[in-house]
């Protein structure tokens, strides 16, 4: 899907700036860390014998990937501070 269908050109830069402002704060980094786990950023989304739940999980994963892409927009690196650990649980 092209960005223009989601964000009109005049709103895209403001949205990117808002994402960076929110998710580069200490509170935002904490929220992003939890979202990364909840949204299956670095985990398998597949659920055996339930394609609908797999699709649902992929939708959640698409959200965190989109947020990361907005933070990384304009050549800025993705946040290195946010690291999901194996000790986190849902």
N, C-alpha and C. Protein backbone atom coordinates (compact mmCIF):
# COMPACT_ATOMS: atom_id res chain seq x y z
N UNK A 1 0.85 -1.17 0.00
CA UNK A 1 0.00 0.00 0.00
C UNK A 1 0.89 1.23 0.00
N UNK A 2 0.59 2.16 -0.83
CA UNK A 2 1.37 3.39 -0.91
C UNK A 2 1.06 4.27 0.29
N UNK A 3 2.08 4.99 0.75
CA UNK A 3 1.91 5.89 1.89
C UNK A 3 0.83 6.93 1.64
N UNK A 4 0.66 7.35 0.38
CA UNK A 4 -0.31 8.40 0.07
C UNK A 4 -1.73 7.98 0.41
N UNK A 5 -2.01 6.67 0.40
CA UNK A 5 -3.36 6.22 0.73
C UNK A 5 -3.59 6.25 2.23
N UNK A 6 -2.52 6.22 3.02
CA UNK A 6 -2.64 6.25 4.47
C UNK A 6 -2.47 7.66 5.00
N UNK A 7 -1.46 8.36 4.50
CA UNK A 7 -1.14 9.70 4.96
C UNK A 7 -1.11 10.64 3.77
N UNK A 8 -1.99 11.63 3.75
CA UNK A 8 -1.83 12.65 2.72
C UNK A 8 -0.45 13.29 2.87
N UNK A 9 0.12 13.70 1.78
CA UNK A 9 1.50 14.22 1.77
C UNK A 9 1.72 15.30 2.83
N UNK A 10 0.75 16.18 3.01
CA UNK A 10 0.94 17.28 3.95
C UNK A 10 0.90 16.81 5.41
N UNK A 11 0.33 15.64 5.68
CA UNK A 11 0.25 15.13 7.05
C UNK A 11 1.37 14.16 7.40
N UNK A 12 2.02 13.59 6.40
CA UNK A 12 3.00 12.54 6.66
C UNK A 12 4.17 13.03 7.50
N UNK A 13 4.76 14.18 7.17
CA UNK A 13 5.89 14.68 7.91
C UNK A 13 5.53 14.99 9.36
N UNK A 14 4.33 15.51 9.59
CA UNK A 14 3.89 15.78 10.96
C UNK A 14 3.73 14.48 11.73
N UNK A 15 3.18 13.45 11.09
CA UNK A 15 3.02 12.15 11.74
C UNK A 15 4.38 11.55 12.11
N UNK A 16 5.33 11.65 11.20
CA UNK A 16 6.69 11.14 11.46
C UNK A 16 7.30 11.88 12.65
N UNK A 17 7.18 13.20 12.66
CA UNK A 17 7.72 14.00 13.77
C UNK A 17 7.05 13.62 15.09
N UNK A 18 5.73 13.39 15.06
CA UNK A 18 5.01 12.99 16.27
C UNK A 18 5.49 11.64 16.79
N UNK A 19 5.68 10.67 15.88
CA UNK A 19 6.17 9.35 16.28
C UNK A 19 7.54 9.46 16.92
N UNK A 20 8.42 10.24 16.31
CA UNK A 20 9.77 10.40 16.85
C UNK A 20 9.73 11.05 18.23
N UNK A 21 8.90 12.07 18.38
CA UNK A 21 8.81 12.77 19.66
C UNK A 21 8.29 11.83 20.75
N UNK A 22 7.26 11.09 20.44
CA UNK A 22 6.66 10.19 21.43
C UNK A 22 7.57 9.02 21.77
N UNK A 23 8.05 8.33 20.75
CA UNK A 23 8.77 7.08 20.98
C UNK A 23 10.25 7.26 21.26
N UNK A 24 10.78 8.48 21.22
CA UNK A 24 12.15 8.72 21.62
C UNK A 24 12.26 9.23 23.05
N UNK A 25 11.12 9.38 23.73
CA UNK A 25 11.14 9.76 25.14
C UNK A 25 11.33 8.49 25.98
N UNK A 26 11.67 8.65 27.24
CA UNK A 26 11.84 7.49 28.12
C UNK A 26 10.55 6.69 28.22
N UNK A 27 9.42 7.38 28.39
CA UNK A 27 8.13 6.69 28.48
C UNK A 27 7.81 6.00 27.16
N UNK A 28 8.09 6.67 26.05
CA UNK A 28 7.82 6.09 24.74
C UNK A 28 8.65 4.85 24.48
N UNK A 29 9.90 4.86 24.92
CA UNK A 29 10.76 3.69 24.75
C UNK A 29 10.20 2.52 25.55
N UNK A 30 9.70 2.79 26.74
CA UNK A 30 9.10 1.74 27.56
C UNK A 30 7.85 1.17 26.89
N UNK A 31 7.00 2.06 26.37
CA UNK A 31 5.79 1.61 25.67
C UNK A 31 6.17 0.82 24.43
N UNK A 32 7.14 1.29 23.69
CA UNK A 32 7.57 0.59 22.47
C UNK A 32 8.12 -0.79 22.79
N UNK A 33 8.83 -0.91 23.88
CA UNK A 33 9.35 -2.22 24.30
C UNK A 33 8.20 -3.20 24.55
N UNK A 34 7.17 -2.74 25.24
CA UNK A 34 6.02 -3.61 25.52
C UNK A 34 5.25 -3.92 24.24
N UNK A 35 5.09 -2.92 23.38
CA UNK A 35 4.42 -3.16 22.10
C UNK A 35 5.18 -4.17 21.26
N UNK A 36 6.52 -4.09 21.29
CA UNK A 36 7.34 -5.02 20.51
C UNK A 36 7.04 -6.45 20.90
N UNK A 37 6.87 -6.69 22.19
CA UNK A 37 6.56 -8.04 22.64
C UNK A 37 5.11 -8.41 22.30
N UNK A 38 4.18 -7.55 22.65
CA UNK A 38 2.76 -7.82 22.44
C UNK A 38 2.43 -8.00 20.95
N UNK A 39 3.12 -7.25 20.11
CA UNK A 39 2.82 -7.26 18.67
C UNK A 39 3.68 -8.24 17.88
N UNK A 40 4.36 -9.15 18.57
CA UNK A 40 5.11 -10.22 17.90
C UNK A 40 6.21 -9.70 16.98
N UNK A 41 6.87 -8.63 17.36
CA UNK A 41 7.89 -8.07 16.49
C UNK A 41 9.00 -9.08 16.18
N UNK A 42 9.45 -9.80 17.17
CA UNK A 42 10.55 -10.74 16.98
C UNK A 42 10.17 -12.17 17.36
N UNK A 43 8.90 -12.49 17.17
CA UNK A 43 8.43 -13.83 17.48
C UNK A 43 7.61 -14.37 16.30
N UNK A 44 7.43 -15.65 16.29
CA UNK A 44 6.63 -16.29 15.26
C UNK A 44 5.16 -15.97 15.51
N UNK A 45 4.46 -15.58 14.47
CA UNK A 45 3.04 -15.21 14.60
C UNK A 45 2.11 -16.37 14.27
N UNK A 46 2.65 -17.42 13.72
CA UNK A 46 1.85 -18.55 13.27
C UNK A 46 1.25 -19.32 14.44
N UNK A 47 -0.03 -19.67 14.28
CA UNK A 47 -0.73 -20.50 15.26
C UNK A 47 -1.20 -21.75 14.53
N UNK A 48 -0.74 -22.90 14.98
CA UNK A 48 -1.09 -24.16 14.33
C UNK A 48 -2.61 -24.33 14.30
N UNK A 49 -3.11 -24.72 13.16
CA UNK A 49 -4.53 -25.02 12.97
C UNK A 49 -5.47 -23.83 13.16
N UNK A 50 -4.95 -22.61 13.12
CA UNK A 50 -5.84 -21.45 13.25
C UNK A 50 -5.30 -20.31 12.39
N UNK A 51 -5.66 -20.34 11.13
CA UNK A 51 -5.16 -19.33 10.19
C UNK A 51 -5.66 -17.94 10.56
N UNK A 52 -6.85 -17.84 11.13
CA UNK A 52 -7.40 -16.53 11.47
C UNK A 52 -6.62 -15.86 12.61
N UNK A 53 -6.22 -16.64 13.59
CA UNK A 53 -5.41 -16.09 14.67
C UNK A 53 -4.02 -15.71 14.15
N UNK A 54 -3.51 -16.49 13.21
CA UNK A 54 -2.23 -16.14 12.58
C UNK A 54 -2.35 -14.81 11.87
N UNK A 55 -3.42 -14.61 11.10
CA UNK A 55 -3.63 -13.34 10.41
C UNK A 55 -3.77 -12.19 11.41
N UNK A 56 -4.49 -12.43 12.50
CA UNK A 56 -4.66 -11.42 13.54
C UNK A 56 -3.31 -11.03 14.13
N UNK A 57 -2.48 -12.02 14.42
CA UNK A 57 -1.15 -11.76 14.96
C UNK A 57 -0.28 -11.00 13.96
N UNK A 58 -0.40 -11.32 12.68
CA UNK A 58 0.35 -10.59 11.65
C UNK A 58 -0.10 -9.14 11.57
N UNK A 59 -1.38 -8.90 11.81
CA UNK A 59 -1.87 -7.52 11.84
C UNK A 59 -1.25 -6.74 12.99
N UNK A 60 -1.14 -7.38 14.16
CA UNK A 60 -0.49 -6.73 15.29
C UNK A 60 0.97 -6.44 14.96
N UNK A 61 1.63 -7.39 14.32
CA UNK A 61 3.04 -7.22 13.97
C UNK A 61 3.22 -6.06 12.98
N UNK A 62 2.26 -5.90 12.07
CA UNK A 62 2.34 -4.82 11.09
C UNK A 62 2.32 -3.45 11.78
N UNK A 63 1.63 -3.35 12.90
CA UNK A 63 1.56 -2.07 13.63
C UNK A 63 2.94 -1.68 14.17
N UNK A 64 3.62 -2.60 14.84
CA UNK A 64 4.93 -2.26 15.41
C UNK A 64 5.95 -2.00 14.31
N UNK A 65 5.87 -2.74 13.23
CA UNK A 65 6.79 -2.50 12.11
C UNK A 65 6.55 -1.12 11.51
N UNK A 66 5.30 -0.72 11.40
CA UNK A 66 4.98 0.61 10.87
C UNK A 66 5.52 1.71 11.80
N UNK A 67 5.34 1.53 13.09
CA UNK A 67 5.87 2.52 14.04
C UNK A 67 7.38 2.62 13.90
N UNK A 68 8.06 1.48 13.82
CA UNK A 68 9.53 1.49 13.65
C UNK A 68 9.93 2.20 12.36
N UNK A 69 9.18 1.95 11.29
CA UNK A 69 9.48 2.60 10.01
C UNK A 69 9.30 4.11 10.10
N UNK A 70 8.28 4.56 10.83
CA UNK A 70 8.07 6.00 10.98
C UNK A 70 9.19 6.63 11.80
N UNK A 71 9.67 5.93 12.82
CA UNK A 71 10.77 6.44 13.63
C UNK A 71 12.04 6.51 12.78
N UNK A 72 12.22 5.54 11.90
CA UNK A 72 13.43 5.45 11.08
C UNK A 72 13.35 6.31 9.82
N UNK A 73 12.21 6.93 9.55
CA UNK A 73 12.01 7.74 8.34
C UNK A 73 13.07 8.84 8.25
N UNK A 74 13.43 9.19 7.05
CA UNK A 74 14.41 10.25 6.78
C UNK A 74 15.83 9.88 7.21
N UNK A 75 16.14 8.59 7.15
CA UNK A 75 17.51 8.15 7.37
C UNK A 75 17.95 8.06 8.81
N UNK A 76 17.08 8.31 9.77
CA UNK A 76 17.47 8.16 11.16
C UNK A 76 17.45 6.68 11.53
N UNK A 77 18.38 6.23 12.32
CA UNK A 77 18.43 4.80 12.66
C UNK A 77 17.26 4.39 13.52
N UNK A 78 16.87 3.13 13.40
CA UNK A 78 15.86 2.60 14.30
C UNK A 78 16.41 2.64 15.71
N UNK A 79 15.53 2.72 16.67
CA UNK A 79 15.97 2.85 18.06
C UNK A 79 16.72 1.59 18.49
N UNK A 80 17.93 1.78 18.94
CA UNK A 80 18.73 0.66 19.42
C UNK A 80 18.45 0.38 20.89
N UNK A 81 17.87 1.37 21.60
CA UNK A 81 17.61 1.20 23.03
C UNK A 81 16.55 0.14 23.30
N UNK A 82 15.64 -0.06 22.37
CA UNK A 82 14.52 -0.96 22.59
C UNK A 82 14.93 -2.36 22.18
N UNK A 83 15.15 -3.19 23.16
CA UNK A 83 15.57 -4.57 22.91
C UNK A 83 14.62 -5.48 23.66
N UNK A 84 14.02 -6.41 22.95
CA UNK A 84 13.13 -7.36 23.57
C UNK A 84 13.96 -8.48 24.17
N UNK A 85 13.68 -8.84 25.40
CA UNK A 85 14.43 -9.92 26.03
C UNK A 85 13.58 -11.17 26.13
N UNK A 86 14.23 -12.29 26.27
CA UNK A 86 13.52 -13.56 26.42
C UNK A 86 12.79 -13.67 27.74
N UNK A 87 13.11 -12.82 28.69
CA UNK A 87 12.49 -12.90 30.01
C UNK A 87 11.13 -12.20 30.06
N UNK A 88 10.80 -11.41 29.05
CA UNK A 88 9.50 -10.72 29.04
C UNK A 88 8.40 -11.73 28.75
N UNK A 89 7.30 -11.55 29.39
CA UNK A 89 6.14 -12.42 29.18
C UNK A 89 4.94 -11.57 28.84
N UNK A 90 3.95 -12.19 28.17
CA UNK A 90 2.72 -11.48 27.84
C UNK A 90 1.92 -11.20 29.08
